[in-house]
Amino acid sequence: MPYIIAPARDVKGPGQYPEYLAVLKAVQDAAIARAADIWKGWVPGGLTPKSNQFGIGLLRKNDTSNDVTTAALSGSYSYSKTLTATGWVPLFSYTVPDDTIHAYAGFSFVDEVMRISQIRLEIQDRILPIIDLQGAWGWGKFDVLIKEDVGGEFVAQGLQRVLVQGYVESTGPQRIVPIGLHLYKNLTRVITQT
């Protein structure tokens, strides 16, 4: 199966969905390998990198919203969106900043009410097939993890385009949280309040 959909309450417990941790590790390894390839001589430095180290943190809302199509974002540090139209709608559409890498493992849907029935991820010219979410609607909160063959993980480097679209069934508020990593060469970019 190319992706895992599971109730949020079940994916993080001991011994539950070992594939979940395997996907997260594969995405982290792929992101670090990409960083080592494009940032020659730099090594991982954790959250607060030193000279010739790159930082590794989680994706934040402000990392994924530099395009006008995300104007529906609301809340200062929240992935809450007010969906105002039905059909295919851009949920995240942005260009990864220079000297930055974004690695996607999946998405967490943290509302009891789901308004989105399908999602699709694009990075540059690589398009993931549509993922149908309707089978999980009765679970309430759930996570979707994208499983790829080694080397096929969804990693976007600086200046590449990322587009996540959702098929909206009904309008209203919805929270969608990307599950992934943000690698960065510039610590100021992640400690500055915006």
C-alpha atoms as a PDB file:
ATOM      1  CA  MET A   1       0.000   0.000   0.000  1.00  0.00           C
ATOM      2  CA  PRO A   2       1.469   3.410  -0.971  1.00  0.00           C
ATOM      3  CA  TYR A   3       0.167   5.201   2.106  1.00  0.00           C
ATOM      4  CA  ILE A   4      -0.998   4.553   5.651  1.00  0.00           C
ATOM      5  CA  ILE A   5      -4.183   6.070   7.071  1.00  0.00           C
ATOM      6  CA  ALA A   6      -4.671   5.454  10.761  1.00  0.00           C
ATOM      7  CA  PRO A   7      -6.498   7.013  13.712  1.00  0.00           C
ATOM      8  CA  ALA A   8      -4.205   9.515  15.431  1.00  0.00           C
ATOM      9  CA  ARG A   9      -4.739   7.788  18.787  1.00  0.00           C
ATOM     10  CA  ASP A  10      -3.255   4.541  17.400  1.00  0.00           C
ATOM     11  CA  VAL A  11      -0.164   5.597  15.456  1.00  0.00           C
ATOM     12  CA  LYS A  12       2.087   6.789  18.260  1.00  0.00           C
ATOM     13  CA  GLY A  13       1.652   4.110  20.928  1.00  0.00           C
ATOM     14  CA  PRO A  14       4.303   1.477  21.664  1.00  0.00           C
ATOM     15  CA  GLY A  15       4.274  -1.338  19.106  1.00  0.00           C
ATOM     16  CA  GLN A  16       1.519   0.252  17.046  1.00  0.00           C
ATOM     17  CA  TYR A  17       1.988   0.845  13.324  1.00  0.00           C
ATOM     18  CA  PRO A  18       5.753   0.235  13.197  1.00  0.00           C
ATOM     19  CA  GLU A  19       5.524   1.394   9.568  1.00  0.00           C
ATOM     20  CA  TYR A  20       4.771   4.884  10.915  1.00  0.00           C
ATOM     21  CA  LEU A  21       8.194   5.197  12.516  1.00  0.00           C
ATOM     22  CA  ALA A  22       9.825   3.567   9.479  1.00  0.00           C
ATOM     23  CA  VAL A  23       8.296   6.214   7.181  1.00  0.00           C
ATOM     24  CA  LEU A  24       9.446   9.058   9.442  1.00  0.00           C
ATOM     25  CA  LYS A  25      12.986   7.627   9.604  1.00  0.00           C
ATOM     26  CA  ALA A  26      13.137   7.142   5.817  1.00  0.00           C
ATOM     27  CA  VAL A  27      12.028  10.737   5.235  1.00  0.00           C
ATOM     28  CA  GLN A  28      14.573  12.060   7.737  1.00  0.00           C
ATOM     29  CA  ASP A  29      17.371   9.993   6.151  1.00  0.00           C
ATOM     30  CA  ALA A  30      16.398  11.183   2.643  1.00  0.00           C
ATOM     31  CA  ALA A  31      16.309  14.833   3.760  1.00  0.00           C
ATOM     32  CA  ILE A  32      19.718  14.590   5.444  1.00  0.00           C
ATOM     33  CA  ALA A  33      21.168  12.869   2.363  1.00  0.00           C
ATOM     34  CA  ARG A  34      19.786  15.643   0.126  1.00  0.00           C
ATOM     35  CA  ALA A  35      21.261  18.289   2.453  1.00  0.00           C
ATOM     36  CA  ALA A  36      24.664  16.589   2.448  1.00  0.00           C
ATOM     37  CA  ASP A  37      24.543  16.451  -1.353  1.00  0.00           C
ATOM     38  CA  ILE A  38      23.662  20.117  -1.965  1.00  0.00           C
ATOM     39  CA  TRP A  39      25.354  21.673   1.082  1.00  0.00           C
ATOM     40  CA  LYS A  40      28.811  20.134   0.627  1.00  0.00           C
ATOM     41  CA  GLY A  41      30.872  20.095   3.820  1.00  0.00           C
ATOM     42  CA  TRP A  42      27.864  20.744   6.085  1.00  0.00           C
ATOM     43  CA  VAL A  43      26.691  18.184   8.668  1.00  0.00           C
ATOM     44  CA  PRO A  44      23.522  17.830  10.789  1.00  0.00           C
ATOM     45  CA  GLY A  45      23.524  20.105  13.832  1.00  0.00           C
ATOM     46  CA  GLY A  46      20.147  19.547  15.491  1.00  0.00           C
ATOM     47  CA  LEU A  47      17.851  22.439  16.407  1.00  0.00           C
ATOM     48  CA  THR A  48      20.638  24.976  17.000  1.00  0.00           C
ATOM     49  CA  PRO A  49      23.350  24.369  14.409  1.00  0.00           C
ATOM     50  CA  LYS A  50      26.851  25.804  14.695  1.00  0.00           C
ATOM     51  CA  SER A  51      29.278  26.768  11.929  1.00  0.00           C
ATOM     52  CA  ASN A  52      29.081  24.404   8.919  1.00  0.00           C
ATOM     53  CA  GLN A  53      26.078  22.606  10.407  1.00  0.00           C
ATOM     54  CA  PHE A  54      22.481  22.646   9.203  1.00  0.00           C
ATOM     55  CA  GLY A  55      19.509  22.666  11.527  1.00  0.00           C
ATOM     56  CA  ILE A  56      16.708  20.108  11.609  1.00  0.00           C
ATOM     57  CA  GLY A  57      13.242  20.896  12.930  1.00  0.00           C
ATOM     58  CA  LEU A  58       9.593  20.258  12.203  1.00  0.00           C
ATOM     59  CA  LEU A  59       7.693  22.081   9.480  1.00  0.00           C
ATOM     60  CA  ARG A  60       6.000  25.196  10.849  1.00  0.00           C
ATOM     61  CA  LYS A  61       3.065  27.073   9.383  1.00  0.00           C
ATOM     62  CA  ASN A  62       5.200  30.059   8.454  1.00  0.00           C
ATOM     63  CA  ASP A  63       7.551  27.741   6.530  1.00  0.00           C
ATOM     64  CA  THR A  64       4.716  26.715   4.203  1.00  0.00           C
ATOM     65  CA  SER A  65       2.951  29.976   3.379  1.00  0.00           C
ATOM     66  CA  ASN A  66       4.824  32.344   1.091  1.00  0.00           C
ATOM     67  CA  ASP A  67       2.320  32.237  -1.765  1.00  0.00           C
ATOM     68  CA  VAL A  68      -0.853  34.291  -2.193  1.00  0.00           C
ATOM     69  CA  THR A  69      -2.939  31.122  -2.632  1.00  0.00           C
ATOM     70  CA  THR A  70      -2.552  30.442   1.099  1.00  0.00           C
ATOM     71  CA  ALA A  71      -4.321  33.668   2.029  1.00  0.00           C
ATOM     72  CA  ALA A  72      -7.038  31.566   3.696  1.00  0.00           C
ATOM     73  CA  LEU A  73      -4.590  30.691   6.494  1.00  0.00           C
ATOM     74  CA  SER A  74      -5.677  32.076   9.828  1.00  0.00           C
ATOM     75  CA  GLY A  75      -4.217  31.955  13.327  1.00  0.00           C
ATOM     76  CA  SER A  76      -0.638  32.846  14.144  1.00  0.00           C
ATOM     77  CA  TYR A  77       0.840  29.342  14.660  1.00  0.00           C
ATOM     78  CA  SER A  78      -1.932  27.117  13.473  1.00  0.00           C
ATOM     79  CA  TYR A  79      -2.687  25.210  10.302  1.00  0.00           C
ATOM     80  CA  SER A  80      -6.340  26.246  10.530  1.00  0.00           C
ATOM     81  CA  LYS A  81      -7.891  27.183   7.229  1.00  0.00           C
ATOM     82  CA  THR A  82     -11.293  28.517   6.386  1.00  0.00           C
ATOM     83  CA  LEU A  83     -12.342  26.649   3.269  1.00  0.00           C
ATOM     84  CA  THR A  84     -14.587  28.959   1.264  1.00  0.00           C
ATOM     85  CA  ALA A  85     -15.070  26.931  -1.934  1.00  0.00           C
ATOM     86  CA  THR A  86     -15.789  23.311  -2.838  1.00  0.00           C
ATOM     87  CA  GLY A  87     -13.896  21.205  -5.375  1.00  0.00           C
ATOM     88  CA  TRP A  88     -10.103  21.097  -5.755  1.00  0.00           C
ATOM     89  CA  VAL A  89      -8.564  23.844  -3.596  1.00  0.00           C
ATOM     90  CA  PRO A  90      -4.880  24.631  -2.874  1.00  0.00           C
ATOM     91  CA  LEU A  91      -4.217  23.926   0.812  1.00  0.00           C
ATOM     92  CA  PHE A  92      -0.506  24.774   0.714  1.00  0.00           C
ATOM     93  CA  SER A  93       1.168  26.401  -2.274  1.00  0.00           C
ATOM     94  CA  TYR A  94       4.609  27.884  -1.866  1.00  0.00           C
ATOM     95  CA  THR A  95       8.220  27.922  -3.001  1.00  0.00           C
ATOM     96  CA  VAL A  96      10.742  26.499  -0.553  1.00  0.00           C
ATOM     97  CA  PRO A  97      13.111  29.315   0.536  1.00  0.00           C
ATOM     98  CA  ASP A  98      16.731  29.161  -0.604  1.00  0.00           C
ATOM     99  CA  ASP A  99      19.112  27.308   1.759  1.00  0.00           C
ATOM    100  CA  THR A 100      16.154  25.297   3.077  1.00  0.00           C
ATOM    101  CA  ILE A 101      14.860  21.747   2.562  1.00  0.00           C
ATOM    102  CA  HIS A 102      11.328  20.526   3.305  1.00  0.00           C
ATOM    103  CA  ALA A 103      10.659  16.792   3.615  1.00  0.00           C
ATOM    104  CA  TYR A 104       7.067  15.521   3.706  1.00  0.00           C
ATOM    105  CA  ALA A 105       6.062  12.286   5.448  1.00  0.00           C
ATOM    106  CA  GLY A 106       2.312  12.986   5.363  1.00  0.00           C
ATOM    107  CA  PHE A 107      -0.450  14.989   6.988  1.00  0.00           C
ATOM    108  CA  SER A 108      -2.396  14.994  10.227  1.00  0.00           C
ATOM    109  CA  PHE A 109      -6.087  15.889  10.216  1.00  0.00           C
ATOM    110  CA  VAL A 110      -6.858  17.072  13.724  1.00  0.00           C
ATOM    111  CA  ASP A 111     -10.569  17.954  13.553  1.00  0.00           C
ATOM    112  CA  GLU A 112     -13.450  15.620  14.340  1.00  0.00           C
ATOM    113  CA  VAL A 113     -15.311  16.980  11.273  1.00  0.00           C
ATOM    114  CA  MET A 114     -13.684  16.373   7.892  1.00  0.00           C
ATOM    115  CA  ARG A 115     -14.422  18.671   4.966  1.00  0.00           C
ATOM    116  CA  ILE A 116     -11.791  17.231   2.597  1.00  0.00           C
ATOM    117  CA  SER A 117     -12.318  13.891   0.839  1.00  0.00           C
ATOM    118  CA  GLN A 118      -9.057  13.665  -1.156  1.00  0.00           C
ATOM    119  CA  ILE A 119      -5.583  15.179  -1.151  1.00  0.00           C
ATOM    120  CA  ARG A 120      -2.722  15.340  -3.637  1.00  0.00           C
ATOM    121  CA  LEU A 121       0.892  16.456  -3.121  1.00  0.00           C
ATOM    122  CA  GLU A 122       3.142  17.928  -5.827  1.00  0.00           C
ATOM    123  CA  ILE A 123       6.801  18.818  -5.462  1.00  0.00           C
ATOM    124  CA  GLN A 124       8.153  20.576  -8.537  1.00  0.00           C
ATOM    125  CA  ASP A 125       7.127  18.221 -11.367  1.00  0.00           C
ATOM    126  CA  ARG A 126       6.640  15.111  -9.187  1.00  0.00           C
ATOM    127  CA  ILE A 127       2.969  14.416  -8.481  1.00  0.00           C
ATOM    128  CA  LEU A 128       1.687  11.911  -5.926  1.00  0.00           C
ATOM    129  CA  PRO A 129      -1.497  10.084  -6.960  1.00  0.00           C
ATOM    130  CA  ILE A 130      -4.695  11.225  -5.262  1.00  0.00           C
ATOM    131  CA  ILE A 131      -5.183   9.858  -1.738  1.00  0.00           C
ATOM    132  CA  ASP A 132      -8.818   9.168  -0.819  1.00  0.00           C
ATOM    133  CA  LEU A 133      -9.587  10.068   2.805  1.00  0.00           C
ATOM    134  CA  GLN A 134     -13.272   9.126   3.040  1.00  0.00           C
ATOM    135  CA  GLY A 135     -12.591   5.713   4.594  1.00  0.00           C
ATOM    136  CA  ALA A 136     -11.143   7.474   7.643  1.00  0.00           C
ATOM    137  CA  TRP A 137     -13.925  10.027   8.129  1.00  0.00           C
ATOM    138  CA  GLY A 138     -15.600   8.033  10.913  1.00  0.00           C
ATOM    139  CA  TRP A 139     -12.421   7.917  12.992  1.00  0.00           C
ATOM    140  CA  GLY A 140     -12.332  11.590  13.869  1.00  0.00           C
ATOM    141  CA  LYS A 141      -8.691  12.701  14.025  1.00  0.00           C
ATOM    142  CA  PHE A 142      -6.315  10.717  11.807  1.00  0.00           C
ATOM    143  CA  ASP A 143      -2.908  10.733  10.148  1.00  0.00           C
ATOM    144  CA  VAL A 144      -1.943   9.959   6.557  1.00  0.00           C
ATOM    145  CA  LEU A 145       1.636   8.834   5.932  1.00  0.00           C
ATOM    146  CA  ILE A 146       3.079   8.495   2.441  1.00  0.00           C
ATOM    147  CA  LYS A 147       5.129   5.326   1.943  1.00  0.00           C
ATOM    148  CA  GLU A 148       7.700   5.452  -0.849  1.00  0.00           C
ATOM    149  CA  ASP A 149      10.498   3.209  -1.990  1.00  0.00           C
ATOM    150  CA  VAL A 150      13.875   4.227  -0.570  1.00  0.00           C
ATOM    151  CA  GLY A 151      15.029   7.257  -2.534  1.00  0.00           C
ATOM    152  CA  GLY A 152      11.495   8.213  -3.558  1.00  0.00           C
ATOM    153  CA  GLU A 153      10.584  10.265  -0.496  1.00  0.00           C
ATOM    154  CA  PHE A 154       9.019  13.691  -0.994  1.00  0.00           C
ATOM    155  CA  VAL A 155      11.876  16.117  -0.378  1.00  0.00           C
ATOM    156  CA  ALA A 156      11.912  19.672  -1.766  1.00  0.00           C
ATOM    157  CA  GLN A 157      15.032  21.788  -1.776  1.00  0.00           C
ATOM    158  CA  GLY A 158      15.351  25.559  -1.954  1.00  0.00           C
ATOM    159  CA  LEU A 159      13.433  27.296  -4.745  1.00  0.00           C
ATOM    160  CA  GLN A 160      11.333  24.233  -5.601  1.00  0.00           C
ATOM    161  CA  ARG A 161       7.551  24.534  -5.704  1.00  0.00           C
ATOM    162  CA  VAL A 162       5.280  22.616  -3.296  1.00  0.00           C
ATOM    163  CA  LEU A 163       1.543  22.305  -3.879  1.00  0.00           C
ATOM    164  CA  VAL A 164      -0.894  20.377  -1.705  1.00  0.00           C
ATOM    165  CA  GLN A 165      -4.460  20.318  -2.979  1.00  0.00           C
ATOM    166  CA  GLY A 166      -7.566  18.997  -1.297  1.00  0.00           C
ATOM    167  CA  TYR A 167     -10.977  18.103  -2.677  1.00  0.00           C
ATOM    168  CA  VAL A 168     -13.305  20.126  -0.443  1.00  0.00           C
ATOM    169  CA  GLU A 169     -16.776  18.653   0.103  1.00  0.00           C
ATOM    170  CA  SER A 170     -18.123  21.368   2.423  1.00  0.00           C
ATOM    171  CA  THR A 171     -16.965  24.839   3.411  1.00  0.00           C
ATOM    172  CA  GLY A 172     -15.872  25.880   6.886  1.00  0.00           C
ATOM    173  CA  PRO A 173     -12.845  25.553   9.170  1.00  0.00           C
ATOM    174  CA  GLN A 174     -10.340  22.712   8.780  1.00  0.00           C
ATOM    175  CA  ARG A 175      -6.950  22.042  10.354  1.00  0.00           C
ATOM    176  CA  ILE A 176      -4.359  20.197   8.278  1.00  0.00           C
ATOM    177  CA  VAL A 177      -0.897  19.771   9.783  1.00  0.00           C
ATOM    178  CA  PRO A 178       1.981  18.596   7.561  1.00  0.00           C
ATOM    179  CA  ILE A 179       4.088  15.825   9.071  1.00  0.00           C
ATOM    180  CA  GLY A 180       7.648  16.436   8.014  1.00  0.00           C
ATOM    181  CA  LEU A 181      10.981  18.117   8.507  1.00  0.00           C
ATOM    182  CA  HIS A 182      12.478  21.520   7.853  1.00  0.00           C
ATOM    183  CA  LEU A 183      16.258  21.589   7.318  1.00  0.00           C
ATOM    184  CA  TYR A 184      17.931  25.005   7.291  1.00  0.00           C
ATOM    185  CA  LYS A 185      21.341  26.619   6.983  1.00  0.00           C
ATOM    186  CA  ASN A 186      20.222  29.942   8.501  1.00  0.00           C
ATOM    187  CA  LEU A 187      19.254  29.712  12.167  1.00  0.00           C
ATOM    188  CA  THR A 188      17.910  33.274  12.110  1.00  0.00           C
ATOM    189  CA  ARG A 189      15.164  32.139   9.727  1.00  0.00           C
ATOM    190  CA  VAL A 190      13.691  29.797  12.362  1.00  0.00           C
ATOM    191  CA  ILE A 191      14.191  31.851  15.539  1.00  0.00           C
ATOM    192  CA  THR A 192      12.871  35.173  14.223  1.00  0.00           C
ATOM    193  CA  GLN A 193       9.270  35.825  15.226  1.00  0.00           C
ATOM    194  CA  THR A 194       7.007  36.732  12.333  1.00  0.00           C
END
